[in-house]
Protein backbone atom coordinates (compact mmCIF):
# COMPACT_ATOMS: atom_id res chain seq x y z
CA UNK A 1 111.37 88.25 80.24
CA UNK A 2 109.47 86.56 77.45
CA UNK A 3 106.09 87.87 76.33
CA UNK A 4 104.58 84.42 76.88
CA UNK A 5 105.71 84.38 80.49
CA UNK A 6 104.21 87.84 81.06
CA UNK A 7 100.90 86.73 79.57
CA UNK A 8 100.57 83.67 81.76
CA UNK A 9 101.49 85.39 85.04
CA UNK A 10 97.96 86.82 85.61
CA UNK A 11 96.51 83.36 85.04
CA UNK A 12 98.88 81.89 87.61
CA UNK A 13 97.73 84.45 90.15
CA UNK A 14 94.10 83.59 89.47
CA UNK A 15 94.91 79.91 89.96
CA UNK A 16 96.45 80.74 93.32
CA UNK A 17 93.27 82.66 94.10
CA UNK A 18 91.20 79.55 93.42
CA UNK A 19 93.39 77.58 95.82
CA UNK A 20 92.89 80.25 98.49
CA UNK A 21 89.11 80.12 98.10
CA UNK A 22 89.32 76.37 98.63
CA UNK A 23 91.12 77.32 101.83
CA UNK A 24 88.09 79.42 102.81
CA UNK A 25 85.81 76.44 102.39
CA UNK A 26 88.02 74.46 104.78
CA UNK A 27 88.02 77.33 107.27
CA UNK A 28 84.25 77.65 107.11
CA UNK A 29 83.83 73.94 107.61
CA UNK A 30 86.00 74.10 110.72
CA UNK A 31 84.02 77.05 112.04
CA UNK A 32 80.74 75.21 111.55
CA UNK A 33 82.16 72.51 113.79
CA UNK A 34 82.90 75.12 116.42
CA UNK A 35 86.67 74.88 116.26
CA UNK A 36 87.26 78.65 116.44
CA UNK A 37 85.64 80.50 119.34
CA UNK A 38 83.76 83.74 118.81
CA UNK A 39 84.90 86.93 120.55
CA UNK A 40 82.80 88.26 123.42
CA UNK A 41 80.94 91.53 122.95
CA UNK A 42 81.53 94.77 124.81
CA UNK A 43 79.99 98.21 124.43
CA UNK A 44 82.09 100.66 126.51
CA UNK A 45 84.04 103.47 124.89
CA UNK A 46 87.77 103.68 125.41
CA UNK A 47 90.86 105.31 124.02
CA UNK A 48 93.00 102.33 125.01
CA UNK A 49 95.43 101.37 122.29
CA UNK A 50 95.17 104.75 120.56
CA UNK A 51 98.38 106.41 119.38
CA UNK A 52 98.59 110.18 119.50
CA UNK A 53 99.59 112.28 116.53
CA UNK A 54 103.31 112.30 115.86
CA UNK A 55 104.13 109.29 118.02
CA UNK A 56 104.33 106.82 115.15
CA UNK A 57 102.34 103.68 114.63
CA UNK A 58 102.76 100.44 116.54
CA UNK A 59 105.23 98.03 114.98
CA UNK A 60 105.80 95.39 117.62
CA UNK A 61 107.13 92.69 115.32
CA UNK A 62 108.83 91.07 118.28
CA UNK A 63 105.63 90.81 120.36
CA UNK A 64 103.25 87.89 120.40
CA UNK A 65 99.49 88.09 120.24
CA UNK A 66 97.37 87.70 123.36
CA UNK A 67 96.76 84.04 122.57
CA UNK A 68 100.48 83.40 122.14
CA UNK A 69 100.07 81.91 118.67
CA UNK A 70 103.06 83.66 117.13
CA UNK A 71 104.67 86.96 116.21
CA UNK A 72 102.75 89.69 114.46
CA UNK A 73 103.43 90.43 110.79
CA UNK A 74 101.96 92.98 108.40
CA UNK A 75 100.16 91.11 105.60
CA UNK A 76 98.28 94.00 103.98
CA UNK A 77 98.63 97.74 104.09
CA UNK A 78 97.73 100.94 102.38
CA UNK A 79 99.33 104.36 102.57
CA UNK A 80 96.76 107.01 103.55
CA UNK A 81 97.12 109.96 101.23
CA UNK A 82 94.61 112.55 102.41
CA UNK A 83 91.11 113.16 103.65
CA UNK A 84 87.64 113.10 102.13
CA UNK A 85 84.28 114.40 103.27
CA UNK A 86 81.85 112.10 101.50
CA UNK A 87 78.72 113.30 103.29
CA UNK A 88 78.11 109.93 104.91
CA UNK A 89 76.54 110.28 108.38
CA UNK A 90 76.26 107.26 110.69
CA UNK A 91 78.44 105.56 108.11
CA UNK A 92 79.34 101.88 107.98
CA UNK A 93 82.16 101.08 105.55
CA UNK A 94 83.11 97.54 104.60
CA UNK A 95 86.63 97.68 103.17
CA UNK A 96 87.69 94.77 100.96
CA UNK A 97 91.42 94.16 101.38
CA UNK A 98 93.63 91.33 100.12
CA UNK A 99 96.15 89.73 102.47
CA UNK A 100 99.25 88.05 101.06
CA UNK A 101 99.96 85.80 104.06
CA UNK A 102 97.45 84.17 106.35
CA UNK A 103 97.50 83.32 110.02
CA UNK A 104 95.48 82.16 112.99
CA UNK A 105 94.75 85.60 114.50
CA UNK A 106 94.30 89.05 113.02
CA UNK A 107 94.46 92.65 114.17
CA UNK A 108 93.76 95.91 112.35
CA UNK A 109 95.26 99.39 112.45
CA UNK A 110 92.83 102.31 111.95
CA UNK A 111 93.89 105.89 111.24
CA UNK A 112 92.59 109.40 111.87
CA UNK A 113 95.79 110.95 110.53
CA UNK A 114 94.08 113.51 108.31
CA UNK A 115 91.02 114.07 110.47
CA UNK A 116 90.38 117.49 112.01
CA UNK A 117 88.78 116.22 115.23
CA UNK A 118 88.79 113.01 117.32
CA UNK A 119 87.19 110.09 115.48
CA UNK A 120 84.78 107.71 117.23
CA UNK A 121 84.71 104.11 116.00
CA UNK A 122 81.44 102.78 117.39
CA UNK A 123 81.71 99.27 116.03
CA UNK A 124 84.24 97.32 113.96
CA UNK A 125 84.48 93.78 112.60
CA UNK A 126 86.63 91.51 110.46
CA UNK A 127 85.40 88.58 108.38
CA UNK A 128 86.17 86.38 105.41
CA UNK A 129 84.01 87.09 102.36
CA UNK A 130 81.77 84.41 100.89
CA UNK A 131 83.23 85.04 97.44
CA UNK A 132 85.87 87.33 96.00
CA UNK A 133 85.18 91.10 96.07
CA UNK A 134 81.83 90.94 97.85
CA UNK A 135 80.38 92.35 101.08
CA UNK A 136 78.79 88.97 101.83
CA UNK A 137 80.35 87.26 104.85
CA UNK A 138 81.32 83.59 104.78
CA UNK A 139 79.33 81.65 107.41
CA UNK A 140 80.60 81.93 111.00
CA UNK A 141 83.67 84.03 110.14
CA UNK A 142 82.50 87.43 111.45
CA UNK A 143 84.57 88.64 114.40
CA UNK A 144 83.98 91.78 116.46
CA UNK A 145 87.09 93.89 116.95
CA UNK A 146 88.00 95.13 120.43
CA UNK A 147 90.26 97.96 121.52
CA UNK A 148 91.63 97.38 124.99
CA UNK A 149 88.80 94.91 125.47
CA UNK A 150 86.04 97.31 124.41
CA UNK A 151 84.07 97.72 121.22
CA UNK A 152 84.13 101.53 121.05
CA UNK A 153 87.23 103.65 120.71
CA UNK A 154 88.07 107.30 120.09
CA UNK A 155 91.09 107.93 117.86
CA UNK A 156 92.84 111.25 118.59
CA UNK A 157 93.15 113.84 115.85
CA UNK A 158 96.12 112.77 113.74
CA UNK A 159 96.45 109.45 115.56
CA UNK A 160 96.02 105.74 115.00
CA UNK A 161 94.70 102.77 116.96
CA UNK A 162 95.42 99.06 116.71
CA UNK A 163 92.79 96.53 117.66
CA UNK A 164 93.19 93.61 120.01
CA UNK A 165 93.81 90.20 118.49
CA UNK A 166 90.78 88.46 116.99
CA UNK A 167 90.93 84.70 116.53
CA UNK A 168 90.24 84.06 112.83
CA UNK A 169 91.93 81.58 110.53
CA UNK A 170 92.86 83.64 107.48
CA UNK A 171 94.17 81.81 104.37
CA UNK A 172 97.13 83.02 102.33
CA UNK A 173 96.36 85.17 99.26
CA UNK A 174 92.83 85.97 100.32
CA UNK A 175 90.32 88.79 100.66
CA UNK A 176 89.39 90.06 104.12
CA UNK A 177 86.48 92.32 105.07
CA UNK A 178 87.28 95.10 107.56
CA UNK A 179 84.18 97.03 108.60
CA UNK A 180 83.93 100.24 110.65
CA UNK A 181 80.92 102.21 111.94
CA UNK A 182 81.43 105.92 112.69
CA UNK A 183 78.42 107.37 114.56
CA UNK A 184 77.13 110.83 113.72
CA UNK A 185 78.79 113.00 111.11
CA UNK A 186 82.49 112.22 111.45
CA UNK A 187 85.56 114.34 110.96
CA UNK A 188 86.84 114.12 107.36
CA UNK A 189 87.83 110.53 106.68
CA UNK A 190 91.44 109.46 106.26
CA UNK A 191 91.48 107.52 103.00
CA UNK A 192 93.34 106.08 100.03
CA UNK A 193 91.52 107.16 96.86
CA UNK A 194 92.64 104.68 94.19
CA UNK A 195 92.22 101.18 95.57
CA UNK A 196 91.69 99.36 92.25
CA UNK A 197 89.16 97.50 94.38
CA UNK A 198 85.45 97.92 95.12
CA UNK A 199 84.46 98.27 98.76
CA UNK A 200 80.99 98.89 100.19
CA UNK A 201 79.16 101.23 102.56
CA UNK A 202 75.80 102.08 104.08
CA UNK A 203 74.43 105.35 105.43
CA UNK A 204 72.39 105.98 108.54
CA UNK A 205 72.89 102.79 110.55
CA UNK A 206 75.42 100.53 112.25
CA UNK A 207 75.51 97.40 110.07
CA UNK A 208 79.04 96.35 110.94
CA UNK A 209 77.69 93.06 112.31
CA UNK A 210 75.66 92.34 109.16
CA UNK A 211 76.60 89.26 107.16
CA UNK A 212 74.46 89.98 104.10
CA UNK A 213 75.77 92.02 101.19
CA UNK A 214 72.31 93.57 100.96
CA UNK A 215 73.14 95.68 104.03
CA UNK A 216 75.71 97.60 101.95
CA UNK A 217 73.88 99.13 98.98
CA UNK A 218 76.61 101.56 97.85
CA UNK A 219 80.11 101.10 96.46
CA UNK A 220 83.35 103.02 96.83
CA UNK A 221 86.67 102.61 95.02
CA UNK A 222 88.61 104.00 98.00
CA UNK A 223 89.80 102.50 101.27
CA UNK A 224 88.84 104.37 104.43
CA UNK A 225 90.47 104.37 107.91
CA UNK A 226 92.12 100.92 107.75
CA UNK A 227 95.85 101.22 107.03
CA UNK A 228 97.28 97.83 108.06
CA UNK A 229 96.25 94.25 108.73
CA UNK A 230 98.57 92.08 110.81
CA UNK A 231 98.42 88.34 111.34
CA UNK A 232 100.02 86.03 113.87
CA UNK A 233 100.56 82.31 113.55
CA UNK A 234 102.03 82.90 110.09
CA UNK A 235 104.90 80.89 108.59
CA UNK A 236 106.49 84.10 107.25
CA UNK A 237 109.68 85.59 108.66
CA UNK A 238 109.18 89.17 107.54
CA UNK A 239 107.40 91.67 105.32
CA UNK A 240 108.44 93.29 102.06
CA UNK A 241 107.09 96.84 101.68
CA UNK A 242 106.63 98.12 98.12
CA UNK A 243 107.06 101.89 98.46
CA UNK A 244 106.20 104.06 95.51
CA UNK A 245 103.75 106.09 93.47
CA UNK A 246 100.80 105.22 91.21
CA UNK A 247 102.81 102.54 89.41
CA UNK A 248 103.24 100.70 92.71
CA UNK A 249 99.64 101.53 93.63
CA UNK A 250 98.57 99.65 90.50
CA UNK A 251 96.91 102.43 88.49
CA UNK A 252 95.81 101.03 85.14
CA UNK A 253 95.49 97.45 86.39
CA UNK A 254 92.21 95.55 86.31
CA UNK A 255 89.78 96.14 89.14
CA UNK A 256 89.01 93.56 91.83
CA UNK A 257 91.63 90.99 90.77
CA UNK A 258 94.78 92.26 92.56
CA UNK A 259 97.04 92.64 89.54
CA UNK A 260 99.37 95.32 90.91
CA UNK A 261 103.07 94.49 90.67
CA UNK A 262 103.35 93.89 94.46
CA UNK A 263 100.55 91.31 94.14
CA UNK A 264 102.45 89.54 91.38
CA UNK A 265 105.58 89.70 93.53
CA UNK A 266 103.67 87.94 96.32
CA UNK A 267 102.63 85.35 93.74
CA UNK A 268 106.26 84.73 92.78
CA UNK A 269 107.25 84.35 96.42
CA UNK A 270 104.44 81.85 96.99
CA UNK A 271 105.71 79.69 94.10
CA UNK A 272 109.27 79.60 95.48
CA UNK A 273 109.41 77.26 98.51
CA UNK A 274 112.73 78.66 99.64
CA UNK A 275 111.21 82.15 99.65
CA UNK A 276 107.76 81.30 100.98
CA UNK A 277 108.45 83.20 104.18
CA UNK A 278 107.73 86.83 103.22
CA UNK A 279 104.51 88.81 103.06
CA UNK A 280 104.14 91.81 100.73
CA UNK A 281 102.63 95.16 101.75
CA UNK A 282 101.76 97.86 99.20
CA UNK A 283 102.63 101.44 100.25
CA UNK A 284 102.10 103.12 96.87
CA UNK A 285 100.34 106.47 96.50
CA UNK A 286 99.24 107.82 93.14
CA UNK A 287 100.97 111.09 92.24
CA UNK A 288 103.47 110.77 95.09
CA UNK A 289 106.82 112.56 94.88
CA UNK A 290 110.15 112.10 96.65
CA UNK A 291 110.70 115.76 97.52
CA UNK A 292 107.38 117.62 97.60
CA UNK A 293 104.07 117.00 99.33
CA UNK A 294 101.01 116.61 97.14
CA UNK A 295 97.45 117.72 97.81
CA UNK A 296 94.71 115.48 99.18
CA UNK A 297 95.05 112.19 97.35
CA UNK A 298 98.74 112.56 96.38
CA UNK A 299 99.95 112.28 99.95
CA UNK A 300 102.94 113.54 101.87
CA UNK A 301 106.31 113.44 100.13
CA UNK A 302 108.16 110.13 100.25
CA UNK A 303 110.71 111.69 102.59
CA UNK A 304 107.90 112.67 104.97
CA UNK A 305 105.96 109.40 104.97
CA UNK A 306 108.78 106.86 104.90
CA UNK A 307 108.75 106.39 108.66
CA UNK A 308 104.99 105.79 108.70
CA UNK A 309 104.73 103.60 105.63
CA UNK A 310 107.95 101.56 105.80
CA UNK A 311 109.87 101.74 109.06
CA UNK A 312 106.78 101.48 111.27
CA UNK A 313 105.31 98.49 109.40
CA UNK A 314 105.01 95.43 111.58
CA UNK A 315 107.81 92.96 110.85
CA UNK A 316 109.28 94.87 107.91
CA UNK A 317 112.40 93.21 106.49
CA UNK A 318 112.87 94.78 103.05
CA UNK A 319 111.71 97.88 101.18
CA UNK A 320 111.47 98.06 97.39
CA UNK A 321 111.56 101.76 96.47
CA UNK A 322 110.20 103.09 93.16
CA UNK A 323 109.87 106.86 93.40
CA UNK A 324 110.95 109.88 91.37
CA UNK A 325 109.03 109.93 88.09
CA UNK A 326 106.46 112.37 89.49
CA UNK A 327 109.17 114.75 90.67
CA UNK A 328 110.23 114.86 87.02
CA UNK A 329 106.91 114.98 85.18
CA UNK A 330 104.69 116.95 87.59
CA UNK A 331 104.65 120.72 87.99
CA UNK A 332 106.94 122.06 89.35
CA UNK A 333 109.27 119.85 87.36
CA UNK A 334 112.44 118.73 89.09
CA UNK A 335 114.86 118.28 86.20
CA UNK A 336 118.07 118.10 88.23
CA UNK A 337 118.59 114.38 88.91
CA UNK A 338 120.92 115.22 91.79
CA UNK A 339 118.02 116.52 93.88
CA UNK A 340 116.01 113.32 93.41
CA UNK A 341 119.11 111.21 94.00
CA UNK A 342 119.73 112.99 97.31
CA UNK A 343 116.19 112.11 98.41
CA UNK A 344 116.52 108.47 97.40
CA UNK A 345 119.90 108.24 99.10
CA UNK A 346 118.36 109.55 102.33
CA UNK A 347 115.54 106.96 102.17
CA UNK A 348 118.03 104.13 101.74
CA UNK A 349 120.18 105.40 104.61
CA UNK A 350 117.19 105.69 106.95
CA UNK A 351 116.12 102.14 106.15
CA UNK A 352 119.62 100.75 106.62
CA UNK A 353 119.89 102.52 109.98
CA UNK A 354 116.93 100.41 111.13
CA UNK A 355 118.32 97.16 109.70
CA UNK A 356 115.94 97.15 106.73
CA UNK A 357 117.18 95.92 103.36
CA UNK A 358 116.54 98.20 100.37
CA UNK A 359 115.97 97.34 96.72
CA UNK A 360 116.11 100.33 94.39
CA UNK A 361 113.75 100.35 91.42
CA UNK A 362 114.72 102.12 88.21
CA UNK A 363 112.24 104.67 86.83
CA UNK A 364 110.15 103.25 84.02
CA UNK A 365 109.97 104.65 80.44
CA UNK A 366 107.23 107.18 79.67
CA UNK A 367 107.71 108.59 76.16
CA UNK A 368 104.23 109.43 74.87
CA UNK A 369 102.96 110.72 78.24
CA UNK A 370 101.55 114.21 77.85
CA UNK A 371 104.40 116.05 79.64
CA UNK A 372 107.25 114.03 78.15
CA UNK A 373 110.19 115.87 76.59
CA UNK A 374 113.94 115.49 76.21
CA UNK A 375 114.69 117.33 79.46
CA UNK A 376 112.47 115.00 81.46
CA UNK A 377 114.05 111.98 79.79
CA UNK A 378 117.54 113.24 80.66
CA UNK A 379 116.52 113.59 84.30
CA UNK A 380 115.12 110.04 84.33
CA UNK A 381 118.29 108.64 82.78
CA UNK A 382 120.40 110.48 85.34
CA UNK A 383 118.45 109.00 88.25
CA UNK A 384 118.53 105.51 86.72
CA UNK A 385 122.26 105.61 86.09
CA UNK A 386 122.82 106.41 89.75
CA UNK A 387 120.42 103.67 90.95
CA UNK A 388 122.25 101.08 88.86
CA UNK A 389 125.80 102.11 89.78
CA UNK A 390 125.84 103.83 93.19
CA UNK A 391 125.63 100.78 95.45
CA UNK A 392 123.39 102.78 97.77
CA UNK A 393 120.94 99.86 97.65
CA UNK A 394 121.32 96.22 98.58
CA UNK A 395 119.99 95.27 95.13
CA UNK A 396 118.40 96.81 92.05
CA UNK A 397 115.09 95.93 90.42
CA UNK A 398 115.58 97.16 86.85
CA UNK A 399 111.96 97.99 86.06
CA UNK A 400 113.11 100.21 83.20
CA UNK A 401 114.83 97.29 81.45
CA UNK A 402 111.82 95.06 82.08
CA UNK A 403 109.34 97.40 80.38
CA UNK A 404 111.22 99.40 77.73
CA UNK A 405 110.75 98.83 74.03
CA UNK A 406 114.00 97.56 72.42
CA UNK A 407 113.12 99.55 69.31
CA UNK A 408 112.64 102.76 71.33
CA UNK A 409 114.08 102.44 74.87
CA UNK A 410 112.43 105.69 75.99
CA UNK A 411 108.99 104.13 75.47
CA UNK A 412 107.20 101.23 77.14
CA UNK A 413 106.64 98.10 75.08
CA UNK A 414 103.12 98.29 73.60
CA UNK A 415 102.02 94.97 75.14
CA UNK A 416 102.87 96.36 78.62
CA UNK A 417 101.22 99.79 78.17
CA UNK A 418 97.85 100.57 79.81
CA UNK A 419 97.33 103.16 77.09
CA UNK A 420 98.59 106.37 78.71
CA UNK A 421 102.28 105.51 78.13
CA UNK A 422 103.15 106.00 81.82
CA UNK A 423 101.30 103.25 83.67
CA UNK A 424 101.65 99.55 82.79
CA UNK A 425 98.73 97.17 82.29
CA UNK A 426 98.32 93.83 84.07
CA UNK A 427 100.93 92.13 81.88
CA UNK A 428 103.34 95.00 82.41
CA UNK A 429 102.91 94.79 86.17
CA UNK A 430 103.66 91.06 86.00
CA UNK A 431 106.86 91.87 84.07
CA UNK A 432 107.84 94.33 86.79
CA UNK A 433 107.38 91.72 89.50
CA UNK A 434 109.62 89.36 87.53
CA UNK A 435 112.37 92.01 87.68
CA UNK A 436 112.60 91.90 91.49
CA UNK A 437 115.53 89.68 92.63
CA UNK A 438 113.93 87.29 95.12
CA UNK A 439 117.24 86.21 96.57
CA UNK A 440 117.93 89.78 97.74
CA UNK A 441 114.68 90.23 99.66
C-alpha cells in the first residue's frame, strides 16, 4: 500500500464521520416532529432477561425485535477483560461507544462477568450525543432501557443481561451514549480498561436520564458493564468480529476519533457498495494471549474467551484473528511456534464448526520493542509461515507484509510506528485495514 493512501485514510474516516453527524441532524429533526415514540417508564425490579454465569450470552441473530423491524445484528462490542473497584458509590456511568452500522431499534448487553456479587442496574438509557465524544444528549433522543418491561434489573454474579428493544433511529458510523446507574456501592465493575475513548461518570446520584453534559463532571478512559450494542432494521447481513490483542484494541491510536484498524476496516466496507452489508465489532484486549490467562485488564486467554467474544456475538459471519505476539514477548515466553499454532488451529476449527468464516492475521514486526531478540523473532516467523501456508483459514490478512520495513523486515516502517516499535499509529492501523481481503469476509 502506498504511503499516500495510508495518510489519507484517516481523513476519509473523518469525512464519513461528518456525514454521520449530518444523519444525526436529520434524526433529531424527525424526533422534534414526533415521528419516533418515547418508551414508557417503569420502576419495578426484575431479573427477566438475565443470563446466569456459564450459560453464554444471547446471540439470537435469527430473531426479530419486538417491533418486527428486522433481525438483530451486533454493531459495536467490547471484550471485558477484568474488574475494577473505582470507589464510585451510587455511580452513573455514561459510556461513549461508536457503532459501525445503524438501525431503527437498539438493544444493549450488560455484563457482571467479573463481579463478586449480584449487580443491580437501577436505571439505564441510550441516546445519541449532541456532538462527537460528549456526554451531551441530542434533543429528544434519550430512551429509557427496559429489561423484561421493567427499568430495574439484577444481573447474577458472572452473568449478563440484554435489554428490551428501544426505538431509536441510529445512523451508521456514529457515537451512541449508553448510561447505567448502579445504586449503593456495587460489586467490582466488569470493565475494559483501554477504550481509546473518553466516557463520563457521576458519583452519588442517578443521572441516567440527564441530557446535559454538566451532570457528568468526571471522565474515564474505560468502558464499564456494556459489552455489546445490537441494532435491528439494519441493511447489513452479518457482523465481522476483529479478535485480538492490544493491536486490535487500538493501543497507540489517537483518542476519541476511532482510528483502530477495525474502525478503518468498517470505513473500507462503507465505501464498497457491494460490501456495504457488514458491521464490524472489536473484540481486542490489550495484553491478551492465545494460551494463558492474564491478570485483571489482560483478560482470559483467547482459547477461553472465544465463545463469549466471537461465537456468541449477534449475527457473527466472519472472525479476523490476530493473536500470538503476547505469547511470544510476555513472560513466560512461549518460543515454540507449534504451541501457538495449535491454539490458533483450535480457534479456527471452533469457528468453522459454527459456520463462521475465519481470516488469519499474520503477527506484525516488533524489532525495537524492549523484549525483542532473535528467539522471539524466530517464533514469530514460525507462526506466520504456518498462517500463510496451512490453509487452516478461509483467507489471510498479511498484516506483517503491510507494516514491515523493506529495509529491515523485522521492524515496522517508521511512518507506521506509534513509537514503541510494537503498536502502530493511526496511519499504521489504516494500512492494516487495507490488508484485509474484503471479498473473503
